[in-house]
Amino acid sequence: SRYVMGWYRQVPGEQRELVAGTGIGGRTNYPDSVKGRFS
């Protein structure tokens, strides 16, 4: 109720990237690289 949760991943030497996010109204957000595969 107080925090928005998400998942990120990071490869050594690269920036951390979002792979699964949540938002308003229970919406989810996935980058194209994982859409249809991650939930």
PDB file of all heavy atoms in Angstrom:
ATOM      1  N   SER A   1       0.811  -1.203   0.000  1.00  0.00           N
ATOM      2  CA  SER A   1       0.000   0.000   0.000  1.00  0.00           C
ATOM      3  C   SER A   1       0.851   1.262   0.000  1.00  0.00           C
ATOM      4  O   SER A   1       0.352   2.340  -0.314  1.00  0.00           O
ATOM      5  CB  SER A   1      -0.945   0.013   1.207  1.00  0.00           C
ATOM      6  OG  SER A   1      -0.224   0.079   2.423  1.00  0.00           O
ATOM      7  N   ARG A   2       2.109   1.129   0.339  1.00  0.00           N
ATOM      8  CA  ARG A   2       3.002   2.272   0.460  1.00  0.00           C
ATOM      9  C   ARG A   2       4.109   2.311  -0.586  1.00  0.00           C
ATOM     10  O   ARG A   2       4.747   3.358  -0.757  1.00  0.00           O
ATOM     11  CB  ARG A   2       3.640   2.298   1.850  1.00  0.00           C
ATOM     12  CG  ARG A   2       2.651   2.548   2.977  1.00  0.00           C
ATOM     13  CD  ARG A   2       3.342   2.441   4.317  1.00  0.00           C
ATOM     14  NE  ARG A   2       3.599   1.054   4.669  1.00  0.00           N
ATOM     15  CZ  ARG A   2       4.713   0.624   5.260  1.00  0.00           C
ATOM     16  NH1 ARG A   2       5.681   1.487   5.556  1.00  0.00           N
ATOM     17  NH2 ARG A   2       4.851  -0.651   5.566  1.00  0.00           N
ATOM     18  N   TYR A   3       4.350   1.205  -1.264  1.00  0.00           N
ATOM     19  CA  TYR A   3       5.452   1.112  -2.209  1.00  0.00           C
ATOM     20  C   TYR A   3       4.997   0.521  -3.527  1.00  0.00           C
ATOM     21  O   TYR A   3       4.129  -0.352  -3.574  1.00  0.00           O
ATOM     22  CB  TYR A   3       6.592   0.271  -1.647  1.00  0.00           C
ATOM     23  CG  TYR A   3       7.309   0.917  -0.483  1.00  0.00           C
ATOM     24  CD1 TYR A   3       6.845   0.750   0.812  1.00  0.00           C
ATOM     25  CD2 TYR A   3       8.440   1.696  -0.692  1.00  0.00           C
ATOM     26  CE1 TYR A   3       7.493   1.345   1.879  1.00  0.00           C
ATOM     27  CE2 TYR A   3       9.102   2.291   0.367  1.00  0.00           C
ATOM     28  CZ  TYR A   3       8.625   2.116   1.651  1.00  0.00           C
ATOM     29  OH  TYR A   3       9.272   2.706   2.704  1.00  0.00           O
ATOM     30  N   VAL A   4       5.623   1.005  -4.592  1.00  0.00           N
ATOM     31  CA  VAL A   4       5.460   0.429  -5.914  1.00  0.00           C
ATOM     32  C   VAL A   4       6.610  -0.544  -6.140  1.00  0.00           C
ATOM     33  O   VAL A   4       7.779  -0.190  -5.946  1.00  0.00           O
ATOM     34  CB  VAL A   4       5.465   1.522  -6.998  1.00  0.00           C
ATOM     35  CG1 VAL A   4       5.414   0.900  -8.382  1.00  0.00           C
ATOM     36  CG2 VAL A   4       4.289   2.464  -6.794  1.00  0.00           C
ATOM     37  N   MET A   5       6.274  -1.752  -6.552  1.00  0.00           N
ATOM     38  CA  MET A   5       7.273  -2.799  -6.679  1.00  0.00           C
ATOM     39  C   MET A   5       7.674  -3.007  -8.133  1.00  0.00           C
ATOM     40  O   MET A   5       6.891  -2.790  -9.056  1.00  0.00           O
ATOM     41  CB  MET A   5       6.744  -4.118  -6.113  1.00  0.00           C
ATOM     42  CG  MET A   5       6.218  -4.018  -4.688  1.00  0.00           C
ATOM     43  SD  MET A   5       7.471  -3.438  -3.508  1.00  0.00           S
ATOM     44  CE  MET A   5       8.679  -4.774  -3.624  1.00  0.00           C
ATOM     45  N   GLY A   6       8.902  -3.451  -8.311  1.00  0.00           N
ATOM     46  CA  GLY A   6       9.384  -3.758  -9.641  1.00  0.00           C
ATOM     47  C   GLY A   6      10.592  -4.662  -9.602  1.00  0.00           C
ATOM     48  O   GLY A   6      11.154  -4.943  -8.537  1.00  0.00           O
ATOM     49  N   TRP A   7      10.992  -5.133 -10.782  1.00  0.00           N
ATOM     50  CA  TRP A   7      12.185  -5.949 -10.939  1.00  0.00           C
ATOM     51  C   TRP A   7      13.126  -5.287 -11.938  1.00  0.00           C
ATOM     52  O   TRP A   7      12.688  -4.788 -12.979  1.00  0.00           O
ATOM     53  CB  TRP A   7      11.842  -7.357 -11.440  1.00  0.00           C
ATOM     54  CG  TRP A   7      11.241  -8.252 -10.404  1.00  0.00           C
ATOM     55  CD1 TRP A   7       9.919  -8.447 -10.153  1.00  0.00           C
ATOM     56  CD2 TRP A   7      11.947  -9.091  -9.484  1.00  0.00           C
ATOM     57  NE1 TRP A   7       9.756  -9.353  -9.135  1.00  0.00           N
ATOM     58  CE2 TRP A   7      10.984  -9.764  -8.705  1.00  0.00           C
ATOM     59  CE3 TRP A   7      13.299  -9.340  -9.241  1.00  0.00           C
ATOM     60  CZ2 TRP A   7      11.331 -10.671  -7.704  1.00  0.00           C
ATOM     61  CZ3 TRP A   7      13.641 -10.232  -8.239  1.00  0.00           C
ATOM     62  CH2 TRP A   7      12.661 -10.889  -7.488  1.00  0.00           C
ATOM     63  N   TYR A   8      14.403  -5.304 -11.610  1.00  0.00           N
ATOM     64  CA  TYR A   8      15.456  -4.791 -12.471  1.00  0.00           C
ATOM     65  C   TYR A   8      16.514  -5.862 -12.658  1.00  0.00           C
ATOM     66  O   TYR A   8      16.586  -6.827 -11.890  1.00  0.00           O
ATOM     67  CB  TYR A   8      16.108  -3.545 -11.871  1.00  0.00           C
ATOM     68  CG  TYR A   8      15.247  -2.301 -11.860  1.00  0.00           C
ATOM     69  CD1 TYR A   8      14.173  -2.180 -10.985  1.00  0.00           C
ATOM     70  CD2 TYR A   8      15.528  -1.234 -12.714  1.00  0.00           C
ATOM     71  CE1 TYR A   8      13.395  -1.037 -10.965  1.00  0.00           C
ATOM     72  CE2 TYR A   8      14.753  -0.090 -12.699  1.00  0.00           C
ATOM     73  CZ  TYR A   8      13.690   0.000 -11.818  1.00  0.00           C
ATOM     74  OH  TYR A   8      12.928   1.142 -11.804  1.00  0.00           O
ATOM     75  N   ARG A   9      17.352  -5.680 -13.654  1.00  0.00           N
ATOM     76  CA  ARG A   9      18.496  -6.565 -13.837  1.00  0.00           C
ATOM     77  C   ARG A   9      19.705  -5.752 -14.265  1.00  0.00           C
ATOM     78  O   ARG A   9      19.575  -4.663 -14.822  1.00  0.00           O
ATOM     79  CB  ARG A   9      18.201  -7.670 -14.852  1.00  0.00           C
ATOM     80  CG  ARG A   9      18.046  -7.198 -16.292  1.00  0.00           C
ATOM     81  CD  ARG A   9      17.633  -8.368 -17.174  1.00  0.00           C
ATOM     82  NE  ARG A   9      17.472  -7.963 -18.567  1.00  0.00           N
ATOM     83  CZ  ARG A   9      16.953  -8.751 -19.504  1.00  0.00           C
ATOM     84  NH1 ARG A   9      16.543  -9.979 -19.202  1.00  0.00           N
ATOM     85  NH2 ARG A   9      16.850  -8.304 -20.757  1.00  0.00           N
ATOM     86  N   GLN A  10      20.877  -6.307 -14.010  1.00  0.00           N
ATOM     87  CA  GLN A  10      22.105  -5.604 -14.333  1.00  0.00           C
ATOM     88  C   GLN A  10      23.198  -6.579 -14.741  1.00  0.00           C
ATOM     89  O   GLN A  10      23.439  -7.573 -14.055  1.00  0.00           O
ATOM     90  CB  GLN A  10      22.586  -4.762 -13.145  1.00  0.00           C
ATOM     91  CG  GLN A  10      23.776  -3.875 -13.448  1.00  0.00           C
ATOM     92  CD  GLN A  10      24.056  -2.893 -12.324  1.00  0.00           C
ATOM     93  OE1 GLN A  10      23.700  -3.131 -11.175  1.00  0.00           O
ATOM     94  NE2 GLN A  10      24.687  -1.777 -12.657  1.00  0.00           N
ATOM     95  N   VAL A  11      23.837  -6.267 -15.849  1.00  0.00           N
ATOM     96  CA  VAL A  11      25.014  -6.985 -16.317  1.00  0.00           C
ATOM     97  C   VAL A  11      26.236  -6.174 -15.901  1.00  0.00           C
ATOM     98  O   VAL A  11      26.219  -4.941 -15.992  1.00  0.00           O
ATOM     99  CB  VAL A  11      24.978  -7.167 -17.849  1.00  0.00           C
ATOM    100  CG1 VAL A  11      26.254  -7.840 -18.348  1.00  0.00           C
ATOM    101  CG2 VAL A  11      23.748  -7.965 -18.256  1.00  0.00           C
ATOM    102  N   PRO A  12      27.309  -6.811 -15.443  1.00  0.00           N
ATOM    103  CA  PRO A  12      28.503  -6.064 -15.050  1.00  0.00           C
ATOM    104  C   PRO A  12      28.969  -5.102 -16.136  1.00  0.00           C
ATOM    105  O   PRO A  12      29.068  -5.477 -17.305  1.00  0.00           O
ATOM    106  CB  PRO A  12      29.541  -7.158 -14.798  1.00  0.00           C
ATOM    107  CG  PRO A  12      28.722  -8.326 -14.357  1.00  0.00           C
ATOM    108  CD  PRO A  12      27.466  -8.255 -15.182  1.00  0.00           C
ATOM    109  N   GLY A  13      29.230  -3.856 -15.746  1.00  0.00           N
ATOM    110  CA  GLY A  13      29.668  -2.841 -16.683  1.00  0.00           C
ATOM    111  C   GLY A  13      28.550  -2.120 -17.401  1.00  0.00           C
ATOM    112  O   GLY A  13      28.829  -1.203 -18.179  1.00  0.00           O
ATOM    113  N   GLU A  14      27.311  -2.520 -17.174  1.00  0.00           N
ATOM    114  CA  GLU A  14      26.177  -1.887 -17.828  1.00  0.00           C
ATOM    115  C   GLU A  14      25.225  -1.299 -16.791  1.00  0.00           C
ATOM    116  O   GLU A  14      25.308  -1.607 -15.607  1.00  0.00           O
ATOM    117  CB  GLU A  14      25.429  -2.889 -18.712  1.00  0.00           C
ATOM    118  CG  GLU A  14      26.273  -3.479 -19.826  1.00  0.00           C
ATOM    119  CD  GLU A  14      25.497  -4.411 -20.720  1.00  0.00           C
ATOM    120  OE1 GLU A  14      24.262  -4.513 -20.556  1.00  0.00           O
ATOM    121  OE2 GLU A  14      26.113  -5.035 -21.595  1.00  0.00           O
ATOM    122  N   GLN A  15      24.324  -0.446 -17.252  1.00  0.00           N
ATOM    123  CA  GLN A  15      23.352   0.170 -16.371  1.00  0.00           C
ATOM    124  C   GLN A  15      22.265  -0.820 -15.980  1.00  0.00           C
ATOM    125  O   GLN A  15      21.916  -1.721 -16.742  1.00  0.00           O
ATOM    126  CB  GLN A  15      22.715   1.389 -17.037  1.00  0.00           C
ATOM    127  CG  GLN A  15      23.666   2.534 -17.312  1.00  0.00           C
ATOM    128  CD  GLN A  15      22.945   3.772 -17.804  1.00  0.00           C
ATOM    129  OE1 GLN A  15      21.769   3.990 -17.504  1.00  0.00           O
ATOM    130  NE2 GLN A  15      23.648   4.596 -18.549  1.00  0.00           N
ATOM    131  N   ARG A  16      21.742  -0.632 -14.783  1.00  0.00           N
ATOM    132  CA  ARG A  16      20.624  -1.436 -14.337  1.00  0.00           C
ATOM    133  C   ARG A  16      19.380  -1.051 -15.134  1.00  0.00           C
ATOM    134  O   ARG A  16      19.095   0.129 -15.336  1.00  0.00           O
ATOM    135  CB  ARG A  16      20.401  -1.217 -12.840  1.00  0.00           C
ATOM    136  CG  ARG A  16      19.460  -2.201 -12.187  1.00  0.00           C
ATOM    137  CD  ARG A  16      19.516  -2.070 -10.663  1.00  0.00           C
ATOM    138  NE  ARG A  16      20.845  -2.398 -10.146  1.00  0.00           N
ATOM    139  CZ  ARG A  16      21.150  -2.433  -8.852  1.00  0.00           C
ATOM    140  NH1 ARG A  16      20.221  -2.161  -7.945  1.00  0.00           N
ATOM    141  NH2 ARG A  16      22.380  -2.738  -8.463  1.00  0.00           N
ATOM    142  N   GLU A  17      18.631  -2.051 -15.594  1.00  0.00           N
ATOM    143  CA  GLU A  17      17.467  -1.786 -16.412  1.00  0.00           C
ATOM    144  C   GLU A  17      16.216  -2.418 -15.822  1.00  0.00           C
ATOM    145  O   GLU A  17      16.266  -3.481 -15.203  1.00  0.00           O
ATOM    146  CB  GLU A  17      17.671  -2.292 -17.848  1.00  0.00           C
ATOM    147  CG  GLU A  17      17.783  -3.801 -17.978  1.00  0.00           C
ATOM    148  CD  GLU A  17      17.756  -4.279 -19.421  1.00  0.00           C
ATOM    149  OE1 GLU A  17      17.326  -3.510 -20.302  1.00  0.00           O
ATOM    150  OE2 GLU A  17      18.162  -5.438 -19.666  1.00  0.00           O
ATOM    151  N   LEU A  18      15.098  -1.762 -16.040  1.00  0.00           N
ATOM    152  CA  LEU A  18      13.810  -2.273 -15.599  1.00  0.00           C
ATOM    153  C   LEU A  18      13.381  -3.424 -16.493  1.00  0.00           C
ATOM    154  O   LEU A  18      13.414  -3.320 -17.720  1.00  0.00           O
ATOM    155  CB  LEU A  18      12.763  -1.169 -15.644  1.00  0.00           C
ATOM    156  CG  LEU A  18      11.333  -1.556 -15.260  1.00  0.00           C
ATOM    157  CD1 LEU A  18      11.224  -1.773 -13.760  1.00  0.00           C
ATOM    158  CD2 LEU A  18      10.350  -0.471 -15.706  1.00  0.00           C
ATOM    159  N   VAL A  19      12.951  -4.526 -15.889  1.00  0.00           N
ATOM    160  CA  VAL A  19      12.425  -5.651 -16.653  1.00  0.00           C
ATOM    161  C   VAL A  19      10.959  -5.918 -16.353  1.00  0.00           C
ATOM    162  O   VAL A  19      10.287  -6.592 -17.140  1.00  0.00           O
ATOM    163  CB  VAL A  19      13.246  -6.935 -16.435  1.00  0.00           C
ATOM    164  CG1 VAL A  19      14.658  -6.762 -16.994  1.00  0.00           C
ATOM    165  CG2 VAL A  19      13.303  -7.320 -14.963  1.00  0.00           C
ATOM    166  N   ALA A  20      10.461  -5.431 -15.237  1.00  0.00           N
ATOM    167  CA  ALA A  20       9.052  -5.603 -14.897  1.00  0.00           C
ATOM    168  C   ALA A  20       8.655  -4.533 -13.888  1.00  0.00           C
ATOM    169  O   ALA A  20       9.171  -4.507 -12.776  1.00  0.00           O
ATOM    170  CB  ALA A  20       8.777  -6.986 -14.325  1.00  0.00           C
ATOM    171  N   GLY A  21       7.753  -3.652 -14.277  1.00  0.00           N
ATOM    172  CA  GLY A  21       7.311  -2.578 -13.415  1.00  0.00           C
ATOM    173  C   GLY A  21       5.820  -2.618 -13.171  1.00  0.00           C
ATOM    174  O   GLY A  21       5.062  -3.206 -13.950  1.00  0.00           O
ATOM    175  N   THR A  22       5.408  -1.996 -12.079  1.00  0.00           N
ATOM    176  CA  THR A  22       3.989  -1.846 -11.769  1.00  0.00           C
ATOM    177  C   THR A  22       3.686  -0.368 -11.634  1.00  0.00           C
ATOM    178  O   THR A  22       4.562   0.441 -11.318  1.00  0.00           O
ATOM    179  CB  THR A  22       3.590  -2.583 -10.485  1.00  0.00           C
ATOM    180  OG1 THR A  22       4.337  -2.062  -9.371  1.00  0.00           O
ATOM    181  CG2 THR A  22       3.852  -4.072 -10.623  1.00  0.00           C
ATOM    182  N   GLY A  23       2.424   0.000 -11.867  1.00  0.00           N
ATOM    183  CA  GLY A  23       2.037   1.391 -11.817  1.00  0.00           C
ATOM    184  C   GLY A  23       0.598   1.583 -11.393  1.00  0.00           C
ATOM    185  O   GLY A  23      -0.008   0.709 -10.774  1.00  0.00           O
ATOM    186  N   ILE A  24       0.061   2.730 -11.737  1.00  0.00           N
ATOM    187  CA  ILE A  24      -1.291   3.096 -11.360  1.00  0.00           C
ATOM    188  C   ILE A  24      -2.305   2.118 -11.925  1.00  0.00           C
ATOM    189  O   ILE A  24      -2.207   1.701 -13.079  1.00  0.00           O
ATOM    190  CB  ILE A  24      -1.613   4.527 -11.839  1.00  0.00           C
ATOM    191  CG1 ILE A  24      -0.666   5.538 -11.185  1.00  0.00           C
ATOM    192  CG2 ILE A  24      -3.062   4.892 -11.535  1.00  0.00           C
ATOM    193  CD1 ILE A  24      -0.811   6.948 -11.721  1.00  0.00           C
ATOM    194  N   GLY A  25      -3.273   1.756 -11.086  1.00  0.00           N
ATOM    195  CA  GLY A  25      -4.323   0.856 -11.521  1.00  0.00           C
ATOM    196  C   GLY A  25      -3.880  -0.568 -11.747  1.00  0.00           C
ATOM    197  O   GLY A  25      -4.567  -1.321 -12.446  1.00  0.00           O
ATOM    198  N   GLY A  26      -2.740  -0.938 -11.171  1.00  0.00           N
ATOM    199  CA  GLY A  26      -2.245  -2.287 -11.334  1.00  0.00           C
ATOM    200  C   GLY A  26      -1.623  -2.550 -12.691  1.00  0.00           C
ATOM    201  O   GLY A  26      -1.402  -3.705 -13.062  1.00  0.00           O
ATOM    202  N   ARG A  27      -1.350  -1.505 -13.433  1.00  0.00           N
ATOM    203  CA  ARG A  27      -0.715  -1.669 -14.734  1.00  0.00           C
ATOM    204  C   ARG A  27       0.677  -2.252 -14.587  1.00  0.00           C
ATOM    205  O   ARG A  27       1.363  -2.022 -13.598  1.00  0.00           O
ATOM    206  CB  ARG A  27      -0.634  -0.328 -15.462  1.00  0.00           C
ATOM    207  CG  ARG A  27      -1.978   0.281 -15.826  1.00  0.00           C
ATOM    208  CD  ARG A  27      -1.790   1.636 -16.481  1.00  0.00           C
ATOM    209  NE  ARG A  27      -3.053   2.255 -16.844  1.00  0.00           N
ATOM    210  CZ  ARG A  27      -3.171   3.454 -17.381  1.00  0.00           C
ATOM    211  NH1 ARG A  27      -2.083   4.185 -17.618  1.00  0.00           N
ATOM    212  NH2 ARG A  27      -4.366   3.938 -17.675  1.00  0.00           N
ATOM    213  N   THR A  28       1.079  -2.995 -15.590  1.00  0.00           N
ATOM    214  CA  THR A  28       2.422  -3.554 -15.629  1.00  0.00           C
ATOM    215  C   THR A  28       3.158  -3.024 -16.842  1.00  0.00           C
ATOM    216  O   THR A  28       2.550  -2.646 -17.850  1.00  0.00           O
ATOM    217  CB  THR A  28       2.400  -5.084 -15.660  1.00  0.00           C
ATOM    218  OG1 THR A  28       1.621  -5.530 -16.781  1.00  0.00           O
ATOM    219  CG2 THR A  28       1.782  -5.634 -14.382  1.00  0.00           C
ATOM    220  N   ASN A  29       4.463  -2.991 -16.731  1.00  0.00           N
ATOM    221  CA  ASN A  29       5.292  -2.455 -17.787  1.00  0.00           C
ATOM    222  C   ASN A  29       6.484  -3.379 -18.010  1.00  0.00           C
ATOM    223  O   ASN A  29       7.189  -3.714 -17.058  1.00  0.00           O
ATOM    224  CB  ASN A  29       5.774  -1.050 -17.422  1.00  0.00           C
ATOM    225  CG  ASN A  29       6.663  -0.439 -18.477  1.00  0.00           C
ATOM    226  OD1 ASN A  29       6.367  -0.515 -19.663  1.00  0.00           O
ATOM    227  ND2 ASN A  29       7.749   0.190 -18.040  1.00  0.00           N
ATOM    228  N   TYR A  30       6.696  -3.778 -19.263  1.00  0.00           N
ATOM    229  CA  TYR A  30       7.806  -4.643 -19.623  1.00  0.00           C
ATOM    230  C   TYR A  30       8.500  -4.088 -20.856  1.00  0.00           C
ATOM    231  O   TYR A  30       7.840  -3.626 -21.789  1.00  0.00           O
ATOM    232  CB  TYR A  30       7.335  -6.064 -19.943  1.00  0.00           C
ATOM    233  CG  TYR A  30       6.510  -6.719 -18.866  1.00  0.00           C
ATOM    234  CD1 TYR A  30       5.119  -6.654 -18.902  1.00  0.00           C
ATOM    235  CD2 TYR A  30       7.115  -7.414 -17.829  1.00  0.00           C
ATOM    236  CE1 TYR A  30       4.360  -7.259 -17.919  1.00  0.00           C
ATOM    237  CE2 TYR A  30       6.363  -8.020 -16.840  1.00  0.00           C
ATOM    238  CZ  TYR A  30       4.979  -7.938 -16.891  1.00  0.00           C
ATOM    239  OH  TYR A  30       4.227  -8.549 -15.913  1.00  0.00           O
ATOM    240  N   PRO A  31       9.816  -4.134 -20.882  1.00  0.00           N
ATOM    241  CA  PRO A  31      10.514  -3.748 -22.105  1.00  0.00           C
ATOM    242  C   PRO A  31      10.276  -4.787 -23.194  1.00  0.00           C
ATOM    243  O   PRO A  31       9.910  -5.939 -22.914  1.00  0.00           O
ATOM    244  CB  PRO A  31      11.980  -3.704 -21.684  1.00  0.00           C
ATOM    245  CG  PRO A  31      12.069  -4.677 -20.559  1.00  0.00           C
ATOM    246  CD  PRO A  31      10.754  -4.571 -19.830  1.00  0.00           C
ATOM    247  N   ASP A  32      10.484  -4.381 -24.430  1.00  0.00           N
ATOM    248  CA  ASP A  32      10.238  -5.280 -25.553  1.00  0.00           C
ATOM    249  C   ASP A  32      11.052  -6.567 -25.459  1.00  0.00           C
ATOM    250  O   ASP A  32      10.614  -7.621 -25.930  1.00  0.00           O
ATOM    251  CB  ASP A  32      10.552  -4.578 -26.870  1.00  0.00           C
ATOM    252  CG  ASP A  32       9.548  -3.493 -27.207  1.00  0.00           C
ATOM    253  OD1 ASP A  32       8.433  -3.511 -26.659  1.00  0.00           O
ATOM    254  OD2 ASP A  32       9.878  -2.628 -28.041  1.00  0.00           O
ATOM    255  N   SER A  33      12.220  -6.486 -24.842  1.00  0.00           N
ATOM    256  CA  SER A  33      13.102  -7.636 -24.777  1.00  0.00           C
ATOM    257  C   SER A  33      12.532  -8.797 -23.964  1.00  0.00           C
ATOM    258  O   SER A  33      12.953  -9.938 -24.144  1.00  0.00           O
ATOM    259  CB  SER A  33      14.464  -7.231 -24.203  1.00  0.00           C
ATOM    260  OG  SER A  33      14.325  -6.684 -22.905  1.00  0.00           O
ATOM    261  N   VAL A  34      11.572  -8.514 -23.066  1.00  0.00           N
ATOM    262  CA  VAL A  34      11.026  -9.573 -22.217  1.00  0.00           C
ATOM    263  C   VAL A  34       9.517  -9.719 -22.335  1.00  0.00           C
ATOM    264  O   VAL A  34       8.946 -10.640 -21.731  1.00  0.00           O
ATOM    265  CB  VAL A  34      11.406  -9.361 -20.733  1.00  0.00           C
ATOM    266  CG1 VAL A  34      12.906  -9.185 -20.581  1.00  0.00           C
ATOM    267  CG2 VAL A  34      10.654  -8.174 -20.143  1.00  0.00           C
ATOM    268  N   LYS A  35       8.857  -8.865 -23.102  1.00  0.00           N
ATOM    269  CA  LYS A  35       7.408  -8.945 -23.250  1.00  0.00           C
ATOM    270  C   LYS A  35       6.984 -10.321 -23.752  1.00  0.00           C
ATOM    271  O   LYS A  35       7.569 -10.861 -24.684  1.00  0.00           O
ATOM    272  CB  LYS A  35       6.902  -7.871 -24.212  1.00  0.00           C
ATOM    273  CG  LYS A  35       6.817  -6.488 -23.613  1.00  0.00           C
ATOM    274  CD  LYS A  35       6.242  -5.483 -24.605  1.00  0.00           C
ATOM    275  CE  LYS A  35       6.128  -4.099 -23.996  1.00  0.00           C
ATOM    276  NZ  LYS A  35       5.623  -3.106 -24.973  1.00  0.00           N
ATOM    277  N   GLY A  36       5.958 -10.859 -23.117  1.00  0.00           N
ATOM    278  CA  GLY A  36       5.463 -12.169 -23.481  1.00  0.00           C
ATOM    279  C   GLY A  36       6.197 -13.302 -22.812  1.00  0.00           C
ATOM    280  O   GLY A  36       5.747 -14.452 -22.889  1.00  0.00           O
ATOM    281  N   ARG A  37       7.318 -13.010 -22.165  1.00  0.00           N
ATOM    282  CA  ARG A  37       8.102 -14.045 -21.504  1.00  0.00           C
ATOM    283  C   ARG A  37       8.171 -13.856 -19.992  1.00  0.00           C
ATOM    284  O   ARG A  37       8.227 -14.839 -19.258  1.00  0.00           O
ATOM    285  CB  ARG A  37       9.527 -14.082 -22.066  1.00  0.00           C
ATOM    286  CG  ARG A  37       9.598 -14.365 -23.565  1.00  0.00           C
ATOM    287  CD  ARG A  37      11.034 -14.583 -24.029  1.00  0.00           C
ATOM    288  NE  ARG A  37      11.871 -13.412 -23.809  1.00  0.00           N
ATOM    289  CZ  ARG A  37      12.914 -13.383 -22.984  1.00  0.00           C
ATOM    290  NH1 ARG A  37      13.261 -14.473 -22.313  1.00  0.00           N
ATOM    291  NH2 ARG A  37      13.626 -12.279 -22.847  1.00  0.00           N
ATOM    292  N   PHE A  38       8.188 -12.614 -19.535  1.00  0.00           N
ATOM    293  CA  PHE A  38       8.287 -12.307 -18.104  1.00  0.00           C
ATOM    294  C   PHE A  38       6.949 -11.805 -17.594  1.00  0.00           C
ATOM    295  O   PHE A  38       6.208 -11.127 -18.315  1.00  0.00           O
ATOM    296  CB  PHE A  38       9.343 -11.238 -17.844  1.00  0.00           C
ATOM    297  CG  PHE A  38      10.767 -11.692 -18.016  1.00  0.00           C
ATOM    298  CD1 PHE A  38      11.084 -12.877 -18.656  1.00  0.00           C
ATOM    299  CD2 PHE A  38      11.803 -10.908 -17.526  1.00  0.00           C
ATOM    300  CE1 PHE A  38      12.395 -13.280 -18.814  1.00  0.00           C
ATOM    301  CE2 PHE A  38      13.118 -11.302 -17.676  1.00  0.00           C
ATOM    302  CZ  PHE A  38      13.420 -12.485 -18.319  1.00  0.00           C
ATOM    303  N   SER A  39       6.664 -12.089 -16.332  1.00  0.00           N
ATOM    304  CA  SER A  39       5.434 -11.634 -15.713  1.00  0.00           C
ATOM    305  C   SER A  39       5.654 -11.363 -14.232  1.00  0.00           C
ATOM    306  O   SER A  39       6.206 -12.207 -13.525  1.00  0.00           O
ATOM    307  CB  SER A  39       4.323 -12.678 -15.895  1.00  0.00           C
ATOM    308  OG  SER A  39       3.125 -12.266 -15.281  1.00  0.00           O
TER     309      SER A  39
END
